[in-house]
Amino acid sequence: IHTSMHAGAFLPKTRLKDEPCIRAYEDNNVDVGLACGFPGRAQIGKGMWAIPDDMAGMMTNKIAHPRA
Protein backbone atom coordinates (compact mmCIF):
# COMPACT_ATOMS: atom_id res chain seq x y z
CA ILE A 1 0.00 0.00 0.00
CA HIS A 2 2.76 2.44 0.91
CA THR A 3 4.42 2.19 -2.51
CA SER A 4 1.07 2.49 -4.30
CA MET A 5 0.24 5.70 -2.42
CA HIS A 6 2.84 7.48 -4.52
CA ALA A 7 0.49 7.02 -7.49
CA GLY A 8 -2.30 9.06 -5.88
CA ALA A 9 -5.27 8.82 -3.54
CA PHE A 10 -5.75 5.49 -1.81
CA LEU A 11 -8.53 3.94 0.28
CA PRO A 12 -7.93 3.21 3.96
CA LYS A 13 -6.77 -0.37 4.56
CA THR A 14 -10.04 -1.26 6.33
CA ARG A 15 -12.03 -0.33 3.20
CA LEU A 16 -9.49 -1.65 0.71
CA LYS A 17 -10.05 -5.25 1.76
CA ASP A 18 -13.72 -4.97 0.70
CA GLU A 19 -12.96 -3.72 -2.82
CA PRO A 20 -13.85 -6.00 -5.79
CA CYS A 21 -10.30 -5.82 -7.15
CA ILE A 22 -8.89 -7.38 -3.96
CA ARG A 23 -11.45 -10.21 -4.04
CA ALA A 24 -10.61 -10.88 -7.71
CA TYR A 25 -6.87 -10.86 -6.91
CA GLU A 26 -7.32 -13.33 -4.04
CA ASP A 27 -9.68 -15.55 -6.07
CA ASN A 28 -7.08 -15.70 -8.84
CA ASN A 29 -4.37 -16.67 -6.35
CA VAL A 30 -6.53 -19.55 -5.13
CA ASP A 31 -7.28 -20.66 -8.71
CA VAL A 32 -3.57 -20.67 -9.55
CA GLY A 33 -2.73 -22.57 -6.35
CA LEU A 34 -5.35 -25.21 -7.15
CA ALA A 35 -4.14 -25.51 -10.75
CA CYS A 36 -0.56 -26.00 -9.51
CA GLY A 37 -1.58 -28.92 -7.31
CA PHE A 38 -1.24 -27.20 -3.93
CA PRO A 39 -4.29 -28.75 -2.17
CA GLY A 40 -2.98 -30.83 0.72
CA ARG A 41 0.55 -29.48 0.17
CA ALA A 42 0.41 -25.72 0.75
CA GLN A 43 -1.69 -23.00 2.28
CA ILE A 44 -3.85 -21.18 -0.26
CA GLY A 45 -5.66 -17.90 0.28
CA LYS A 46 -4.63 -17.07 3.84
CA GLY A 47 -2.63 -13.89 3.39
CA MET A 48 -1.89 -11.54 6.26
CA TRP A 49 -2.48 -7.80 6.35
CA ALA A 50 -0.19 -6.29 8.97
CA ILE A 51 -1.94 -4.39 11.78
CA PRO A 52 0.84 -2.61 13.68
CA ASP A 53 -1.59 -1.17 16.27
CA ASP A 54 -2.92 -4.65 17.18
CA MET A 55 -0.02 -7.09 16.85
CA ALA A 56 -1.40 -9.44 19.54
CA GLY A 57 -4.76 -9.69 17.78
CA MET A 58 -3.07 -10.13 14.43
CA MET A 59 -0.95 -13.00 15.76
CA THR A 60 -3.99 -14.68 17.35
CA ASN A 61 -5.78 -14.47 14.00
CA LYS A 62 -2.75 -15.75 12.06
CA ILE A 63 -2.26 -18.72 14.41
CA ALA A 64 -5.90 -19.68 13.78
CA HIS A 65 -5.37 -19.93 9.99
CA PRO A 66 -3.84 -23.44 9.96
CA ARG A 67 -6.63 -24.58 12.27
CA ALA A 68 -9.33 -23.37 9.84
PDB file of N, CA and C in Angstrom:
ATOM      1  N   ILE A   1       0.834  -1.188   0.000  1.00  0.00           N
ATOM      2  CA  ILE A   1       0.000   0.000   0.000  1.00  0.00           C
ATOM      3  C   ILE A   1       0.869   1.239   0.000  1.00  0.00           C
ATOM      4  N   HIS A   2       1.924   1.248   0.803  1.00  0.00           N
ATOM      5  CA  HIS A   2       2.761   2.439   0.909  1.00  0.00           C
ATOM      6  C   HIS A   2       3.323   2.836  -0.453  1.00  0.00           C
ATOM      7  N   THR A   3       3.852   1.891  -1.192  1.00  0.00           N
ATOM      8  CA  THR A   3       4.418   2.187  -2.509  1.00  0.00           C
ATOM      9  C   THR A   3       3.333   2.695  -3.452  1.00  0.00           C
ATOM     10  N   SER A   4       2.164   2.091  -3.403  1.00  0.00           N
ATOM     11  CA  SER A   4       1.071   2.491  -4.295  1.00  0.00           C
ATOM     12  C   SER A   4       0.560   3.893  -4.001  1.00  0.00           C
ATOM     13  N   MET A   5       0.721   4.358  -2.777  1.00  0.00           N
ATOM     14  CA  MET A   5       0.237   5.697  -2.424  1.00  0.00           C
ATOM     15  C   MET A   5       0.952   6.781  -3.220  1.00  0.00           C
ATOM     16  N   HIS A   6       2.116   6.500  -3.723  1.00  0.00           N
ATOM     17  CA  HIS A   6       2.836   7.481  -4.521  1.00  0.00           C
ATOM     18  C   HIS A   6       2.116   7.751  -5.844  1.00  0.00           C
ATOM     19  N   ALA A   7       1.229   6.853  -6.236  1.00  0.00           N
ATOM     20  CA  ALA A   7       0.487   7.017  -7.490  1.00  0.00           C
ATOM     21  C   ALA A   7      -0.722   7.933  -7.324  1.00  0.00           C
ATOM     22  N   GLY A   8      -1.147   8.185  -6.096  1.00  0.00           N
ATOM     23  CA  GLY A   8      -2.296   9.064  -5.882  1.00  0.00           C
ATOM     24  C   GLY A   8      -3.125   8.621  -4.688  1.00  0.00           C
ATOM     25  N   ALA A   9      -4.369   9.104  -4.662  1.00  0.00           N
ATOM     26  CA  ALA A   9      -5.269   8.823  -3.538  1.00  0.00           C
ATOM     27  C   ALA A   9      -5.481   7.315  -3.373  1.00  0.00           C
ATOM     28  N   PHE A  10      -5.634   6.909  -2.128  1.00  0.00           N
ATOM     29  CA  PHE A  10      -5.755   5.493  -1.809  1.00  0.00           C
ATOM     30  C   PHE A  10      -6.800   5.316  -0.713  1.00  0.00           C
ATOM     31  N   LEU A  11      -7.554   4.228  -0.767  1.00  0.00           N
ATOM     32  CA  LEU A  11      -8.531   3.935   0.277  1.00  0.00           C
ATOM     33  C   LEU A  11      -7.830   3.510   1.565  1.00  0.00           C
ATOM     34  N   PRO A  12      -8.480   3.749   2.709  1.00  0.00           N
ATOM     35  CA  PRO A  12      -7.928   3.212   3.957  1.00  0.00           C
ATOM     36  C   PRO A  12      -7.894   1.682   3.899  1.00  0.00           C
ATOM     37  N   LYS A  13      -6.953   1.079   4.603  1.00  0.00           N
ATOM     38  CA  LYS A  13      -6.775  -0.368   4.561  1.00  0.00           C
ATOM     39  C   LYS A  13      -8.064  -1.110   4.924  1.00  0.00           C
ATOM     40  N   THR A  14      -8.815  -0.588   5.908  1.00  0.00           N
ATOM     41  CA  THR A  14     -10.037  -1.265   6.328  1.00  0.00           C
ATOM     42  C   THR A  14     -11.070  -1.324   5.210  1.00  0.00           C
ATOM     43  N   ARG A  15     -11.095  -0.329   4.336  1.00  0.00           N
ATOM     44  CA  ARG A  15     -12.029  -0.333   3.202  1.00  0.00           C
ATOM     45  C   ARG A  15     -11.446  -1.042   1.989  1.00  0.00           C
ATOM     46  N   LEU A  16     -10.143  -1.043   1.861  1.00  0.00           N
ATOM     47  CA  LEU A  16      -9.486  -1.648   0.709  1.00  0.00           C
ATOM     48  C   LEU A  16      -9.785  -3.140   0.616  1.00  0.00           C
ATOM     49  N   LYS A  17      -9.822  -3.813   1.756  1.00  0.00           N
ATOM     50  CA  LYS A  17     -10.052  -5.255   1.763  1.00  0.00           C
ATOM     51  C   LYS A  17     -11.427  -5.638   1.217  1.00  0.00           C
ATOM     52  N   ASP A  18     -12.371  -4.700   1.191  1.00  0.00           N
ATOM     53  CA  ASP A  18     -13.724  -4.968   0.699  1.00  0.00           C
ATOM     54  C   ASP A  18     -13.904  -4.613  -0.775  1.00  0.00           C
ATOM     55  N   GLU A  19     -12.863  -4.127  -1.415  1.00  0.00           N
ATOM     56  CA  GLU A  19     -12.964  -3.725  -2.822  1.00  0.00           C
ATOM     57  C   GLU A  19     -12.985  -4.947  -3.756  1.00  0.00           C
ATOM     58  N   PRO A  20     -13.766  -4.877  -4.838  1.00  0.00           N
ATOM     59  CA  PRO A  20     -13.849  -6.000  -5.786  1.00  0.00           C
ATOM     60  C   PRO A  20     -12.496  -6.422  -6.363  1.00  0.00           C
ATOM     61  N   CYS A  21     -11.595  -5.474  -6.559  1.00  0.00           N
ATOM     62  CA  CYS A  21     -10.302  -5.825  -7.150  1.00  0.00           C
ATOM     63  C   CYS A  21      -9.493  -6.730  -6.224  1.00  0.00           C
ATOM     64  N   ILE A  22      -9.617  -6.533  -4.919  1.00  0.00           N
ATOM     65  CA  ILE A  22      -8.891  -7.376  -3.964  1.00  0.00           C
ATOM     66  C   ILE A  22      -9.475  -8.781  -3.968  1.00  0.00           C
ATOM     67  N   ARG A  23     -10.803  -8.895  -3.991  1.00  0.00           N
ATOM     68  CA  ARG A  23     -11.452 -10.212  -4.043  1.00  0.00           C
ATOM     69  C   ARG A  23     -11.035 -10.953  -5.314  1.00  0.00           C
ATOM     70  N   ALA A  24     -11.011 -10.247  -6.451  1.00  0.00           N
ATOM     71  CA  ALA A  24     -10.606 -10.878  -7.714  1.00  0.00           C
ATOM     72  C   ALA A  24      -9.147 -11.338  -7.638  1.00  0.00           C
ATOM     73  N   TYR A  25      -8.281 -10.513  -7.060  1.00  0.00           N
ATOM     74  CA  TYR A  25      -6.871 -10.859  -6.906  1.00  0.00           C
ATOM     75  C   TYR A  25      -6.719 -12.124  -6.054  1.00  0.00           C
ATOM     76  N   GLU A  26      -7.427 -12.175  -4.921  1.00  0.00           N
ATOM     77  CA  GLU A  26      -7.321 -13.330  -4.040  1.00  0.00           C
ATOM     78  C   GLU A  26      -7.939 -14.576  -4.667  1.00  0.00           C
ATOM     79  N   ASP A  27      -9.064 -14.414  -5.375  1.00  0.00           N
ATOM     80  CA  ASP A  27      -9.676 -15.552  -6.069  1.00  0.00           C
ATOM     81  C   ASP A  27      -8.725 -16.121  -7.119  1.00  0.00           C
ATOM     82  N   ASN A  28      -8.043 -15.249  -7.831  1.00  0.00           N
ATOM     83  CA  ASN A  28      -7.080 -15.695  -8.838  1.00  0.00           C
ATOM     84  C   ASN A  28      -5.930 -16.465  -8.183  1.00  0.00           C
ATOM     85  N   ASN A  29      -5.448 -15.968  -7.051  1.00  0.00           N
ATOM     86  CA  ASN A  29      -4.368 -16.669  -6.352  1.00  0.00           C
ATOM     87  C   ASN A  29      -4.793 -18.082  -5.959  1.00  0.00           C
ATOM     88  N   VAL A  30      -6.028 -18.228  -5.493  1.00  0.00           N
ATOM     89  CA  VAL A  30      -6.529 -19.551  -5.132  1.00  0.00           C
ATOM     90  C   VAL A  30      -6.638 -20.432  -6.373  1.00  0.00           C
ATOM     91  N   ASP A  31      -7.174 -19.888  -7.458  1.00  0.00           N
ATOM     92  CA  ASP A  31      -7.284 -20.665  -8.706  1.00  0.00           C
ATOM     93  C   ASP A  31      -5.920 -21.161  -9.179  1.00  0.00           C
ATOM     94  N   VAL A  32      -4.924 -20.295  -9.123  1.00  0.00           N
ATOM     95  CA  VAL A  32      -3.573 -20.671  -9.554  1.00  0.00           C
ATOM     96  C   VAL A  32      -3.011 -21.744  -8.621  1.00  0.00           C
ATOM     97  N   GLY A  33      -3.208 -21.576  -7.303  1.00  0.00           N
ATOM     98  CA  GLY A  33      -2.731 -22.574  -6.352  1.00  0.00           C
ATOM     99  C   GLY A  33      -3.362 -23.937  -6.584  1.00  0.00           C
ATOM    100  N   LEU A  34      -4.663 -23.950  -6.863  1.00  0.00           N
ATOM    101  CA  LEU A  34      -5.351 -25.212  -7.147  1.00  0.00           C
ATOM    102  C   LEU A  34      -4.831 -25.842  -8.433  1.00  0.00           C
ATOM    103  N   ALA A  35      -4.632 -25.008  -9.461  1.00  0.00           N
ATOM    104  CA  ALA A  35      -4.145 -25.512 -10.747  1.00  0.00           C
ATOM    105  C   ALA A  35      -2.720 -26.059 -10.637  1.00  0.00           C
ATOM    106  N   CYS A  36      -1.949 -25.542  -9.685  1.00  0.00           N
ATOM    107  CA  CYS A  36      -0.564 -25.999  -9.509  1.00  0.00           C
ATOM    108  C   CYS A  36      -0.461 -27.232  -8.622  1.00  0.00           C
ATOM    109  N   GLY A  37      -1.600 -27.716  -8.132  1.00  0.00           N
ATOM    110  CA  GLY A  37      -1.578 -28.922  -7.312  1.00  0.00           C
ATOM    111  C   GLY A  37      -1.258 -28.684  -5.849  1.00  0.00           C
ATOM    112  N   PHE A  38      -1.562 -27.503  -5.322  1.00  0.00           N
ATOM    113  CA  PHE A  38      -1.241 -27.195  -3.930  1.00  0.00           C
ATOM    114  C   PHE A  38      -2.173 -27.818  -2.889  1.00  0.00           C
ATOM    115  N   PRO A  39      -3.423 -28.200  -3.220  1.00  0.00           N
ATOM    116  CA  PRO A  39      -4.290 -28.746  -2.167  1.00  0.00           C
ATOM    117  C   PRO A  39      -3.618 -29.904  -1.428  1.00  0.00           C
ATOM    118  N   GLY A  40      -3.615 -29.812  -0.103  1.00  0.00           N
ATOM    119  CA  GLY A  40      -2.976 -30.832   0.717  1.00  0.00           C
ATOM    120  C   GLY A  40      -1.474 -30.670   0.847  1.00  0.00           C
ATOM    121  N   ARG A  41      -0.899 -29.689   0.141  1.00  0.00           N
ATOM    122  CA  ARG A  41       0.555 -29.481   0.169  1.00  0.00           C
ATOM    123  C   ARG A  41       0.959 -28.074   0.621  1.00  0.00           C
ATOM    124  N   ALA A  42       0.063 -27.111   0.434  1.00  0.00           N
ATOM    125  CA  ALA A  42       0.406 -25.721   0.754  1.00  0.00           C
ATOM    126  C   ALA A  42      -0.833 -24.963   1.182  1.00  0.00           C
ATOM    127  N   GLN A  43      -0.609 -23.868   1.841  1.00  0.00           N
ATOM    128  CA  GLN A  43      -1.688 -23.004   2.284  1.00  0.00           C
ATOM    129  C   GLN A  43      -2.080 -22.077   1.138  1.00  0.00           C
ATOM    130  N   ILE A  44      -3.369 -22.019   0.835  1.00  0.00           N
ATOM    131  CA  ILE A  44      -3.853 -21.178  -0.260  1.00  0.00           C
ATOM    132  C   ILE A  44      -4.861 -20.177   0.294  1.00  0.00           C
ATOM    133  N   GLY A  45      -4.661 -18.907  -0.032  1.00  0.00           N
ATOM    134  CA  GLY A  45      -5.655 -17.895   0.284  1.00  0.00           C
ATOM    135  C   GLY A  45      -5.719 -17.439   1.725  1.00  0.00           C
ATOM    136  N   LYS A  46      -4.642 -17.522   2.459  1.00  0.00           N
ATOM    137  CA  LYS A  46      -4.630 -17.066   3.842  1.00  0.00           C
ATOM    138  C   LYS A  46      -3.544 -16.019   4.036  1.00  0.00           C
ATOM    139  N   GLY A  47      -3.619 -14.962   3.265  1.00  0.00           N
ATOM    140  CA  GLY A  47      -2.635 -13.886   3.385  1.00  0.00           C
ATOM    141  C   GLY A  47      -2.786 -13.134   4.697  1.00  0.00           C
ATOM    142  N   MET A  48      -1.839 -12.301   5.016  1.00  0.00           N
ATOM    143  CA  MET A  48      -1.886 -11.541   6.257  1.00  0.00           C
ATOM    144  C   MET A  48      -1.681 -10.067   5.962  1.00  0.00           C
ATOM    145  N   TRP A  49      -2.598  -9.252   6.449  1.00  0.00           N
ATOM    146  CA  TRP A  49      -2.478  -7.799   6.353  1.00  0.00           C
ATOM    147  C   TRP A  49      -1.961  -7.322   7.699  1.00  0.00           C
ATOM    148  N   ALA A  50      -0.794  -6.740   7.712  1.00  0.00           N
ATOM    149  CA  ALA A  50      -0.193  -6.286   8.970  1.00  0.00           C
ATOM    150  C   ALA A  50      -1.062  -5.231   9.647  1.00  0.00           C
ATOM    151  N   ILE A  51      -1.186  -5.351  10.974  1.00  0.00           N
ATOM    152  CA  ILE A  51      -1.939  -4.391  11.783  1.00  0.00           C
ATOM    153  C   ILE A  51      -1.018  -3.959  12.922  1.00  0.00           C
ATOM    154  N   PRO A  52      -0.151  -2.993  12.674  1.00  0.00           N
ATOM    155  CA  PRO A  52       0.840  -2.610  13.680  1.00  0.00           C
ATOM    156  C   PRO A  52       0.243  -2.192  15.020  1.00  0.00           C
ATOM    157  N   ASP A  53      -0.976  -1.629  15.011  1.00  0.00           N
ATOM    158  CA  ASP A  53      -1.587  -1.173  16.266  1.00  0.00           C
ATOM    159  C   ASP A  53      -2.230  -2.305  17.058  1.00  0.00           C
ATOM    160  N   ASP A  54      -2.308  -3.505  16.486  1.00  0.00           N
ATOM    161  CA  ASP A  54      -2.915  -4.646  17.178  1.00  0.00           C
ATOM    162  C   ASP A  54      -2.139  -5.919  16.848  1.00  0.00           C
ATOM    163  N   MET A  55      -0.864  -5.933  17.164  1.00  0.00           N
ATOM    164  CA  MET A  55      -0.020  -7.086  16.847  1.00  0.00           C
ATOM    165  C   MET A  55      -0.494  -8.357  17.557  1.00  0.00           C
ATOM    166  N   ALA A  56      -0.947  -8.247  18.810  1.00  0.00           N
ATOM    167  CA  ALA A  56      -1.401  -9.436  19.539  1.00  0.00           C
ATOM    168  C   ALA A  56      -2.625 -10.039  18.858  1.00  0.00           C
ATOM    169  N   GLY A  57      -3.576  -9.200  18.473  1.00  0.00           N
ATOM    170  CA  GLY A  57      -4.763  -9.690  17.780  1.00  0.00           C
ATOM    171  C   GLY A  57      -4.420 -10.271  16.425  1.00  0.00           C
ATOM    172  N   MET A  58      -3.491  -9.638  15.734  1.00  0.00           N
ATOM    173  CA  MET A  58      -3.065 -10.127  14.427  1.00  0.00           C
ATOM    174  C   MET A  58      -2.433 -11.515  14.557  1.00  0.00           C
ATOM    175  N   MET A  59      -1.601 -11.708  15.568  1.00  0.00           N
ATOM    176  CA  MET A  59      -0.951 -12.996  15.758  1.00  0.00           C
ATOM    177  C   MET A  59      -1.969 -14.081  16.154  1.00  0.00           C
ATOM    178  N   THR A  60      -2.945 -13.723  16.978  1.00  0.00           N
ATOM    179  CA  THR A  60      -3.995 -14.679  17.347  1.00  0.00           C
ATOM    180  C   THR A  60      -4.743 -15.126  16.102  1.00  0.00           C
ATOM    181  N   ASN A  61      -5.070 -14.179  15.243  1.00  0.00           N
ATOM    182  CA  ASN A  61      -5.777 -14.468  13.999  1.00  0.00           C
ATOM    183  C   ASN A  61      -4.912 -15.337  13.085  1.00  0.00           C
ATOM    184  N   LYS A  62      -3.644 -15.009  12.953  1.00  0.00           N
ATOM    185  CA  LYS A  62      -2.749 -15.754  12.062  1.00  0.00           C
ATOM    186  C   LYS A  62      -2.547 -17.188  12.551  1.00  0.00           C
ATOM    187  N   ILE A  63      -2.439 -17.372  13.850  1.00  0.00           N
ATOM    188  CA  ILE A  63      -2.264 -18.716  14.409  1.00  0.00           C
ATOM    189  C   ILE A  63      -3.494 -19.569  14.121  1.00  0.00           C
ATOM    190  N   ALA A  64      -4.666 -18.947  14.037  1.00  0.00           N
ATOM    191  CA  ALA A  64      -5.904 -19.680  13.785  1.00  0.00           C
ATOM    192  C   ALA A  64      -6.010 -20.156  12.340  1.00  0.00           C
ATOM    193  N   HIS A  65      -5.262 -19.556  11.405  1.00  0.00           N
ATOM    194  CA  HIS A  65      -5.375 -19.929   9.989  1.00  0.00           C
ATOM    195  C   HIS A  65      -5.124 -21.417   9.734  1.00  0.00           C
ATOM    196  N   PRO A  66      -4.040 -22.012  10.234  1.00  0.00           N
ATOM    197  CA  PRO A  66      -3.836 -23.435   9.962  1.00  0.00           C
ATOM    198  C   PRO A  66      -4.923 -24.327  10.586  1.00  0.00           C
ATOM    199  N   ARG A  67      -5.584 -23.801  11.602  1.00  0.00           N
ATOM    200  CA  ARG A  67      -6.633 -24.576  12.265  1.00  0.00           C
ATOM    201  C   ARG A  67      -7.958 -24.499  11.516  1.00  0.00           C
ATOM    202  N   ALA A  68      -8.055 -23.571  10.574  1.00  0.00           N
ATOM    203  CA  ALA A  68      -9.326 -23.370   9.838  1.00  0.00           C
ATOM    204  C   ALA A  68      -9.589 -24.506   8.867  1.00  0.00           C
TER     205      ALA A  68
END
